[in-house]
Amino acid sequence: MNNQLSMFGEPENKSAPKITKVSLSKTIPASAEKLYDRWLIPTFAGNWMFGEHMGDDGVGDMNNEVRPGGAFSYTVIRGGCEVVCSGEYIVIDRPNKLSFSWHENGENTGLAIVEIQLEQTDEKTKLRVTLHVDRAVVDNPSTIKQQWELRCKRLAAQLSRV
């Protein structure tokens, strides 16, 4: 039988990403609502997610469209170069769950999806972050986990001062 699609070239055989889930958790002395807002309001997110503690020289434009399917774009200066961290919101369930994709300069960094879950008890909230790491891009996900542990530590420190 003649393959009529052969003129379009051979189809790409892309294998499915090999995703490893890496989790971390931290109890933070703040309400779930306040903690949730720190993830979504650009001014707050820029203060704990980026900065000198992450090796960034500065924070630039912070754009955010908070809705499922909405996009975010955070520009930082790292090593004298502009880096755009961007993604799309997958789940927004205030104040319980948030899920979004993550790219830097439009490329796959190995971190495919970030999920957060919040569980409030009394005056504290347990933050659980699950990182979906693409093992085809990153051999050892511990570096990505360490980056997000540092971010969560900074977030907790900021909220404990409020």
N, C-alpha and C. Protein backbone atom coordinates (compact mmCIF):
# COMPACT_ATOMS: atom_id res chain seq x y z
N MET A 1 0.84 -1.18 0.00
CA MET A 1 0.00 0.00 0.00
C MET A 1 0.88 1.24 0.00
N ASN A 2 0.50 2.22 -0.74
CA ASN A 2 1.26 3.46 -0.88
C ASN A 2 0.94 4.39 0.28
N ASN A 3 1.97 4.90 0.96
CA ASN A 3 1.77 5.82 2.07
C ASN A 3 1.70 7.24 1.53
N GLN A 4 0.50 7.80 1.47
CA GLN A 4 0.32 9.13 0.89
C GLN A 4 0.85 10.24 1.79
N LEU A 5 1.10 9.96 3.05
CA LEU A 5 1.62 10.98 3.96
C LEU A 5 3.14 11.05 3.95
N SER A 6 3.79 10.19 3.17
CA SER A 6 5.25 10.16 3.18
C SER A 6 5.85 11.48 2.71
N MET A 7 5.13 12.24 1.90
CA MET A 7 5.68 13.50 1.43
C MET A 7 5.80 14.54 2.55
N PHE A 8 5.16 14.29 3.69
CA PHE A 8 5.25 15.20 4.82
C PHE A 8 6.39 14.84 5.76
N GLY A 9 7.15 13.83 5.44
CA GLY A 9 8.26 13.42 6.28
C GLY A 9 7.82 12.38 7.28
N GLU A 10 8.78 11.82 7.95
CA GLU A 10 8.50 10.80 8.95
C GLU A 10 7.92 11.43 10.21
N PRO A 11 6.93 10.81 10.79
CA PRO A 11 6.38 11.36 12.04
C PRO A 11 7.42 11.26 13.15
N GLU A 12 7.41 12.27 14.02
CA GLU A 12 8.33 12.25 15.16
C GLU A 12 7.85 11.25 16.19
N ASN A 13 8.76 10.47 16.69
CA ASN A 13 8.45 9.53 17.76
C ASN A 13 8.89 10.14 19.08
N LYS A 14 8.07 11.01 19.61
CA LYS A 14 8.38 11.63 20.89
C LYS A 14 7.89 10.72 22.00
N SER A 15 8.79 10.39 22.89
CA SER A 15 8.38 9.57 24.02
C SER A 15 7.76 10.47 25.08
N ALA A 16 6.90 9.90 25.86
CA ALA A 16 6.26 10.64 26.93
C ALA A 16 7.31 11.03 27.97
N PRO A 17 7.14 12.21 28.58
CA PRO A 17 8.11 12.62 29.59
C PRO A 17 8.14 11.63 30.76
N LYS A 18 9.31 11.45 31.33
CA LYS A 18 9.46 10.60 32.51
C LYS A 18 9.38 11.52 33.72
N ILE A 19 8.21 11.59 34.31
CA ILE A 19 7.96 12.52 35.40
C ILE A 19 8.23 11.87 36.75
N THR A 20 8.99 12.57 37.57
CA THR A 20 9.22 12.18 38.95
C THR A 20 8.61 13.27 39.82
N LYS A 21 7.86 12.88 40.83
CA LYS A 21 7.28 13.85 41.75
C LYS A 21 8.18 13.98 42.96
N VAL A 22 8.51 15.23 43.28
CA VAL A 22 9.33 15.55 44.44
C VAL A 22 8.50 16.47 45.32
N SER A 23 8.38 16.14 46.60
CA SER A 23 7.54 16.93 47.50
C SER A 23 8.34 17.55 48.62
N LEU A 24 7.83 18.67 49.09
CA LEU A 24 8.38 19.31 50.28
C LEU A 24 7.22 19.93 51.02
N SER A 25 7.38 20.11 52.32
CA SER A 25 6.30 20.72 53.10
C SER A 25 6.89 21.61 54.17
N LYS A 26 6.09 22.59 54.56
CA LYS A 26 6.51 23.56 55.57
C LYS A 26 5.25 24.08 56.25
N THR A 27 5.32 24.23 57.56
CA THR A 27 4.22 24.84 58.31
C THR A 27 4.55 26.31 58.49
N ILE A 28 3.61 27.15 58.10
CA ILE A 28 3.84 28.60 58.08
C ILE A 28 2.82 29.28 58.99
N PRO A 29 3.27 30.22 59.83
CA PRO A 29 2.37 30.90 60.77
C PRO A 29 1.52 31.97 60.09
N ALA A 30 0.58 31.53 59.25
CA ALA A 30 -0.32 32.45 58.55
C ALA A 30 -1.55 31.67 58.11
N SER A 31 -2.61 32.41 57.79
CA SER A 31 -3.83 31.76 57.31
C SER A 31 -3.60 31.24 55.89
N ALA A 32 -4.41 30.28 55.51
CA ALA A 32 -4.32 29.72 54.16
C ALA A 32 -4.60 30.79 53.11
N GLU A 33 -5.54 31.69 53.39
CA GLU A 33 -5.87 32.75 52.43
C GLU A 33 -4.69 33.68 52.20
N LYS A 34 -4.04 34.08 53.29
CA LYS A 34 -2.89 34.98 53.18
C LYS A 34 -1.75 34.30 52.43
N LEU A 35 -1.52 33.05 52.74
CA LEU A 35 -0.46 32.28 52.08
C LEU A 35 -0.77 32.11 50.59
N TYR A 36 -2.01 31.80 50.28
CA TYR A 36 -2.43 31.61 48.88
C TYR A 36 -2.20 32.89 48.08
N ASP A 37 -2.57 34.03 48.67
CA ASP A 37 -2.39 35.31 47.98
C ASP A 37 -0.92 35.59 47.67
N ARG A 38 -0.03 35.13 48.53
CA ARG A 38 1.41 35.36 48.30
C ARG A 38 1.91 34.64 47.05
N TRP A 39 1.20 33.63 46.62
CA TRP A 39 1.57 32.91 45.39
C TRP A 39 1.04 33.62 44.15
N LEU A 40 -0.05 34.39 44.29
CA LEU A 40 -0.73 34.92 43.11
C LEU A 40 -0.56 36.42 42.87
N ILE A 41 -0.33 37.20 43.91
CA ILE A 41 -0.18 38.64 43.74
C ILE A 41 1.27 38.93 43.37
N PRO A 42 1.51 39.46 42.17
CA PRO A 42 2.88 39.61 41.67
C PRO A 42 3.84 40.32 42.62
N THR A 43 3.40 41.38 43.27
CA THR A 43 4.29 42.10 44.18
C THR A 43 4.78 41.19 45.29
N PHE A 44 3.88 40.41 45.86
CA PHE A 44 4.27 39.47 46.92
C PHE A 44 5.15 38.35 46.37
N ALA A 45 4.73 37.75 45.24
CA ALA A 45 5.49 36.64 44.66
C ALA A 45 6.91 37.06 44.32
N GLY A 46 7.07 38.26 43.79
CA GLY A 46 8.40 38.74 43.43
C GLY A 46 9.32 38.87 44.61
N ASN A 47 8.75 39.14 45.79
CA ASN A 47 9.57 39.33 46.99
C ASN A 47 10.12 38.04 47.58
N TRP A 48 9.43 36.93 47.40
CA TRP A 48 9.94 35.69 47.99
C TRP A 48 10.38 34.66 46.95
N MET A 49 9.79 34.71 45.77
CA MET A 49 10.11 33.71 44.76
C MET A 49 11.43 34.02 44.05
N PHE A 50 11.76 35.32 43.98
CA PHE A 50 12.97 35.75 43.28
C PHE A 50 13.75 36.71 44.18
N GLY A 51 14.95 37.04 43.79
CA GLY A 51 15.77 37.99 44.53
C GLY A 51 17.15 37.46 44.80
N GLU A 52 17.89 38.19 45.61
CA GLU A 52 19.28 37.83 45.90
C GLU A 52 19.41 36.43 46.49
N HIS A 53 18.44 36.03 47.33
CA HIS A 53 18.51 34.69 47.94
C HIS A 53 18.44 33.58 46.90
N MET A 54 17.95 33.89 45.69
CA MET A 54 17.87 32.90 44.61
C MET A 54 18.95 33.13 43.55
N GLY A 55 19.85 34.07 43.81
CA GLY A 55 20.91 34.37 42.84
C GLY A 55 20.48 35.35 41.77
N ASP A 56 19.35 36.02 41.98
CA ASP A 56 18.87 37.00 41.02
C ASP A 56 19.41 38.38 41.38
N ASP A 57 19.72 39.16 40.36
CA ASP A 57 20.21 40.52 40.57
C ASP A 57 19.07 41.52 40.74
N GLY A 58 17.91 41.19 40.24
CA GLY A 58 16.78 42.10 40.34
C GLY A 58 15.53 41.48 39.76
N VAL A 59 14.41 42.13 40.03
CA VAL A 59 13.11 41.67 39.54
C VAL A 59 12.55 42.75 38.63
N GLY A 60 12.06 42.35 37.46
CA GLY A 60 11.49 43.30 36.50
C GLY A 60 9.99 43.20 36.46
N ASP A 61 9.44 43.11 35.26
CA ASP A 61 7.99 43.05 35.06
C ASP A 61 7.41 41.77 35.65
N MET A 62 6.26 41.92 36.29
CA MET A 62 5.55 40.79 36.89
C MET A 62 4.11 40.86 36.39
N ASN A 63 3.74 39.96 35.50
CA ASN A 63 2.40 39.94 34.93
C ASN A 63 1.70 38.64 35.28
N ASN A 64 0.40 38.74 35.54
CA ASN A 64 -0.33 37.61 36.06
C ASN A 64 -1.80 37.69 35.65
N GLU A 65 -2.33 36.63 35.08
CA GLU A 65 -3.75 36.53 34.75
C GLU A 65 -4.30 35.34 35.53
N VAL A 66 -4.85 35.62 36.70
CA VAL A 66 -5.25 34.57 37.63
C VAL A 66 -6.60 33.98 37.25
N ARG A 67 -6.55 32.86 36.55
CA ARG A 67 -7.73 32.07 36.19
C ARG A 67 -7.21 30.77 35.60
N PRO A 68 -7.97 29.69 35.67
CA PRO A 68 -7.52 28.46 35.02
C PRO A 68 -7.29 28.73 33.53
N GLY A 69 -6.13 28.37 33.04
CA GLY A 69 -5.75 28.65 31.66
C GLY A 69 -5.07 30.00 31.50
N GLY A 70 -5.11 30.83 32.55
CA GLY A 70 -4.45 32.13 32.51
C GLY A 70 -2.94 31.98 32.60
N ALA A 71 -2.24 32.98 32.13
CA ALA A 71 -0.78 32.91 32.08
C ALA A 71 -0.15 33.87 33.08
N PHE A 72 1.09 33.54 33.46
CA PHE A 72 1.89 34.47 34.26
C PHE A 72 3.25 34.60 33.59
N SER A 73 3.89 35.73 33.85
CA SER A 73 5.21 36.00 33.29
C SER A 73 5.96 36.90 34.26
N TYR A 74 7.05 36.40 34.81
CA TYR A 74 7.86 37.14 35.78
C TYR A 74 9.26 37.30 35.19
N THR A 75 9.72 38.53 35.04
CA THR A 75 11.04 38.80 34.49
C THR A 75 12.01 39.10 35.62
N VAL A 76 13.13 38.39 35.61
CA VAL A 76 14.18 38.62 36.61
C VAL A 76 15.51 38.80 35.88
N ILE A 77 16.44 39.46 36.55
CA ILE A 77 17.80 39.61 36.03
C ILE A 77 18.67 38.63 36.81
N ARG A 78 19.30 37.72 36.08
CA ARG A 78 20.12 36.68 36.71
C ARG A 78 21.46 36.63 35.98
N GLY A 79 22.52 36.92 36.71
CA GLY A 79 23.85 36.91 36.08
C GLY A 79 23.96 37.93 34.97
N GLY A 80 23.27 39.06 35.11
CA GLY A 80 23.30 40.11 34.10
C GLY A 80 22.41 39.87 32.91
N CYS A 81 21.72 38.74 32.87
CA CYS A 81 20.84 38.41 31.74
C CYS A 81 19.38 38.40 32.19
N GLU A 82 18.51 38.78 31.28
CA GLU A 82 17.08 38.76 31.55
C GLU A 82 16.55 37.34 31.41
N VAL A 83 15.85 36.87 32.43
CA VAL A 83 15.24 35.54 32.43
C VAL A 83 13.74 35.73 32.65
N VAL A 84 12.94 35.14 31.78
CA VAL A 84 11.48 35.23 31.91
C VAL A 84 10.96 33.88 32.40
N CYS A 85 10.43 33.89 33.62
CA CYS A 85 9.80 32.70 34.20
C CYS A 85 8.31 32.82 33.89
N SER A 86 7.77 31.81 33.23
CA SER A 86 6.38 31.90 32.80
C SER A 86 5.70 30.55 32.90
N GLY A 87 4.40 30.59 32.79
CA GLY A 87 3.64 29.36 32.82
C GLY A 87 2.16 29.64 32.69
N GLU A 88 1.39 28.59 32.89
CA GLU A 88 -0.06 28.67 32.78
C GLU A 88 -0.69 28.02 33.99
N TYR A 89 -1.72 28.67 34.52
CA TYR A 89 -2.43 28.11 35.66
C TYR A 89 -3.30 26.94 35.21
N ILE A 90 -3.18 25.84 35.92
CA ILE A 90 -3.95 24.64 35.61
C ILE A 90 -5.13 24.53 36.56
N VAL A 91 -4.87 24.67 37.86
CA VAL A 91 -5.91 24.60 38.89
C VAL A 91 -5.79 25.81 39.80
N ILE A 92 -6.92 26.48 40.04
CA ILE A 92 -6.98 27.56 41.02
C ILE A 92 -8.18 27.26 41.90
N ASP A 93 -7.92 26.85 43.13
CA ASP A 93 -8.96 26.49 44.10
C ASP A 93 -8.60 27.18 45.42
N ARG A 94 -8.95 28.47 45.52
CA ARG A 94 -8.58 29.29 46.67
C ARG A 94 -9.37 28.88 47.89
N PRO A 95 -8.78 28.70 49.03
CA PRO A 95 -7.35 28.79 49.37
C PRO A 95 -6.72 27.42 49.56
N ASN A 96 -7.16 26.43 48.82
CA ASN A 96 -6.72 25.05 49.07
C ASN A 96 -5.64 24.53 48.12
N LYS A 97 -5.77 24.85 46.83
CA LYS A 97 -4.88 24.22 45.86
C LYS A 97 -4.57 25.18 44.72
N LEU A 98 -3.35 25.07 44.22
CA LEU A 98 -2.90 25.84 43.07
C LEU A 98 -1.95 24.96 42.27
N SER A 99 -2.10 24.97 40.96
CA SER A 99 -1.24 24.17 40.10
C SER A 99 -0.93 24.98 38.84
N PHE A 100 0.35 24.96 38.42
CA PHE A 100 0.74 25.71 37.24
C PHE A 100 1.96 25.09 36.58
N SER A 101 2.11 25.36 35.28
CA SER A 101 3.31 24.92 34.56
C SER A 101 4.42 25.94 34.80
N TRP A 102 5.67 25.56 34.47
CA TRP A 102 6.81 26.44 34.73
C TRP A 102 7.82 26.33 33.58
N HIS A 103 8.18 27.47 33.02
CA HIS A 103 9.20 27.54 31.97
C HIS A 103 10.12 28.72 32.27
N GLU A 104 11.34 28.65 31.79
CA GLU A 104 12.25 29.79 31.86
C GLU A 104 12.72 30.09 30.45
N ASN A 105 12.49 31.34 30.03
CA ASN A 105 12.78 31.77 28.65
C ASN A 105 12.10 30.87 27.62
N GLY A 106 10.89 30.42 27.96
CA GLY A 106 10.10 29.62 27.04
C GLY A 106 10.57 28.19 26.88
N GLU A 107 11.55 27.79 27.67
CA GLU A 107 12.11 26.44 27.54
C GLU A 107 11.75 25.57 28.73
N ASN A 108 11.76 24.28 28.49
CA ASN A 108 11.54 23.31 29.55
C ASN A 108 12.80 23.24 30.40
N THR A 109 12.68 23.58 31.67
CA THR A 109 13.83 23.54 32.58
C THR A 109 13.93 22.20 33.30
N GLY A 110 12.98 21.33 33.03
CA GLY A 110 12.91 20.07 33.75
C GLY A 110 11.80 20.08 34.78
N LEU A 111 11.40 21.28 35.20
CA LEU A 111 10.29 21.41 36.13
C LEU A 111 9.03 21.61 35.29
N ALA A 112 8.21 20.58 35.21
CA ALA A 112 7.04 20.63 34.34
C ALA A 112 5.85 21.32 35.01
N ILE A 113 5.55 20.92 36.24
CA ILE A 113 4.38 21.44 36.94
C ILE A 113 4.72 21.65 38.42
N VAL A 114 4.16 22.72 38.98
CA VAL A 114 4.25 22.98 40.42
C VAL A 114 2.84 22.91 40.97
N GLU A 115 2.64 22.11 42.01
CA GLU A 115 1.34 22.02 42.69
C GLU A 115 1.53 22.45 44.13
N ILE A 116 0.61 23.26 44.63
CA ILE A 116 0.64 23.55 46.06
C ILE A 116 -0.70 23.15 46.66
N GLN A 117 -0.63 22.65 47.89
CA GLN A 117 -1.82 22.33 48.66
C GLN A 117 -1.65 22.99 50.02
N LEU A 118 -2.72 23.59 50.51
CA LEU A 118 -2.69 24.28 51.79
C LEU A 118 -3.72 23.66 52.72
N GLU A 119 -3.30 23.45 53.96
CA GLU A 119 -4.20 22.89 54.97
C GLU A 119 -4.02 23.71 56.25
N GLN A 120 -5.06 24.48 56.58
CA GLN A 120 -4.97 25.37 57.74
C GLN A 120 -5.43 24.66 59.01
N THR A 121 -4.66 24.84 60.08
CA THR A 121 -5.04 24.39 61.41
C THR A 121 -4.70 25.52 62.37
N ASP A 122 -5.70 25.99 63.06
CA ASP A 122 -5.55 27.13 63.97
C ASP A 122 -4.95 28.32 63.24
N GLU A 123 -3.85 28.85 63.75
CA GLU A 123 -3.22 30.04 63.17
C GLU A 123 -2.11 29.71 62.18
N LYS A 124 -1.96 28.44 61.85
CA LYS A 124 -0.89 28.01 60.96
C LYS A 124 -1.45 27.28 59.75
N THR A 125 -0.64 27.23 58.71
CA THR A 125 -1.04 26.51 57.50
C THR A 125 0.11 25.61 57.06
N LYS A 126 -0.25 24.36 56.77
CA LYS A 126 0.75 23.44 56.23
C LYS A 126 0.75 23.61 54.71
N LEU A 127 1.91 23.96 54.20
CA LEU A 127 2.12 24.13 52.77
C LEU A 127 2.82 22.88 52.25
N ARG A 128 2.21 22.23 51.27
CA ARG A 128 2.84 21.08 50.62
C ARG A 128 3.03 21.45 49.15
N VAL A 129 4.27 21.38 48.71
CA VAL A 129 4.62 21.68 47.32
C VAL A 129 5.05 20.38 46.65
N THR A 130 4.42 20.06 45.53
CA THR A 130 4.81 18.90 44.74
C THR A 130 5.32 19.39 43.40
N LEU A 131 6.56 19.01 43.11
CA LEU A 131 7.22 19.41 41.87
C LEU A 131 7.23 18.23 40.92
N HIS A 132 6.69 18.40 39.74
CA HIS A 132 6.69 17.35 38.71
C HIS A 132 7.91 17.61 37.83
N VAL A 133 8.93 16.79 38.00
CA VAL A 133 10.22 16.99 37.32
C VAL A 133 10.36 16.01 36.16
N ASP A 134 10.70 16.53 35.00
CA ASP A 134 10.90 15.72 33.80
C ASP A 134 12.31 15.15 33.83
N ARG A 135 12.41 13.84 34.08
CA ARG A 135 13.72 13.19 34.21
C ARG A 135 14.47 13.11 32.87
N ALA A 136 13.79 13.34 31.76
CA ALA A 136 14.47 13.37 30.47
C ALA A 136 15.30 14.65 30.34
N VAL A 137 14.97 15.67 31.12
CA VAL A 137 15.69 16.95 31.08
C VAL A 137 16.64 17.10 32.26
N VAL A 138 16.22 16.63 33.43
CA VAL A 138 17.01 16.77 34.65
C VAL A 138 17.29 15.39 35.23
N ASP A 139 18.57 15.05 35.34
CA ASP A 139 18.94 13.74 35.90
C ASP A 139 18.66 13.66 37.39
N ASN A 140 19.00 14.73 38.11
CA ASN A 140 18.87 14.74 39.56
C ASN A 140 17.95 15.88 39.99
N PRO A 141 16.73 15.57 40.41
CA PRO A 141 15.78 16.62 40.76
C PRO A 141 16.08 17.34 42.07
N SER A 142 17.13 16.94 42.78
CA SER A 142 17.41 17.55 44.09
C SER A 142 17.74 19.04 43.98
N THR A 143 18.34 19.48 42.88
CA THR A 143 18.65 20.90 42.71
C THR A 143 17.38 21.72 42.61
N ILE A 144 16.41 21.23 41.85
CA ILE A 144 15.13 21.93 41.73
C ILE A 144 14.42 21.95 43.07
N LYS A 145 14.46 20.83 43.79
CA LYS A 145 13.84 20.77 45.12
C LYS A 145 14.50 21.78 46.06
N GLN A 146 15.82 21.89 46.03
CA GLN A 146 16.53 22.83 46.90
C GLN A 146 16.13 24.27 46.58
N GLN A 147 15.96 24.60 45.31
CA GLN A 147 15.53 25.95 44.92
C GLN A 147 14.17 26.28 45.53
N TRP A 148 13.24 25.33 45.45
CA TRP A 148 11.90 25.58 45.97
C TRP A 148 11.86 25.52 47.49
N GLU A 149 12.73 24.74 48.12
CA GLU A 149 12.84 24.78 49.58
C GLU A 149 13.30 26.15 50.03
N LEU A 150 14.27 26.72 49.32
CA LEU A 150 14.77 28.05 49.63
C LEU A 150 13.68 29.10 49.46
N ARG A 151 12.91 28.97 48.38
CA ARG A 151 11.80 29.90 48.16
C ARG A 151 10.77 29.80 49.28
N CYS A 152 10.41 28.58 49.67
CA CYS A 152 9.40 28.39 50.72
C CYS A 152 9.91 28.90 52.07
N LYS A 153 11.19 28.74 52.32
CA LYS A 153 11.79 29.26 53.55
C LYS A 153 11.68 30.78 53.58
N ARG A 154 11.95 31.42 52.45
CA ARG A 154 11.85 32.88 52.35
C ARG A 154 10.40 33.32 52.53
N LEU A 155 9.47 32.60 51.93
CA LEU A 155 8.04 32.90 52.07
C LEU A 155 7.62 32.82 53.53
N ALA A 156 8.03 31.76 54.22
CA ALA A 156 7.70 31.59 55.64
C ALA A 156 8.29 32.72 56.47
N ALA A 157 9.52 33.11 56.18
CA ALA A 157 10.16 34.19 56.93
C ALA A 157 9.41 35.50 56.74
N GLN A 158 8.97 35.78 55.53
CA GLN A 158 8.23 37.01 55.28
C GLN A 158 6.88 37.01 55.98
N LEU A 159 6.20 35.89 55.97
CA LEU A 159 4.88 35.83 56.61
C LEU A 159 4.98 35.83 58.13
N SER A 160 6.08 35.37 58.68
CA SER A 160 6.22 35.37 60.14
C SER A 160 6.46 36.78 60.66
N ARG A 161 6.87 37.71 59.78
CA ARG A 161 7.09 39.11 60.17
C ARG A 161 5.82 39.94 60.05
N VAL A 162 4.81 39.42 59.36
CA VAL A 162 3.58 40.20 59.11
C VAL A 162 2.71 40.23 60.33
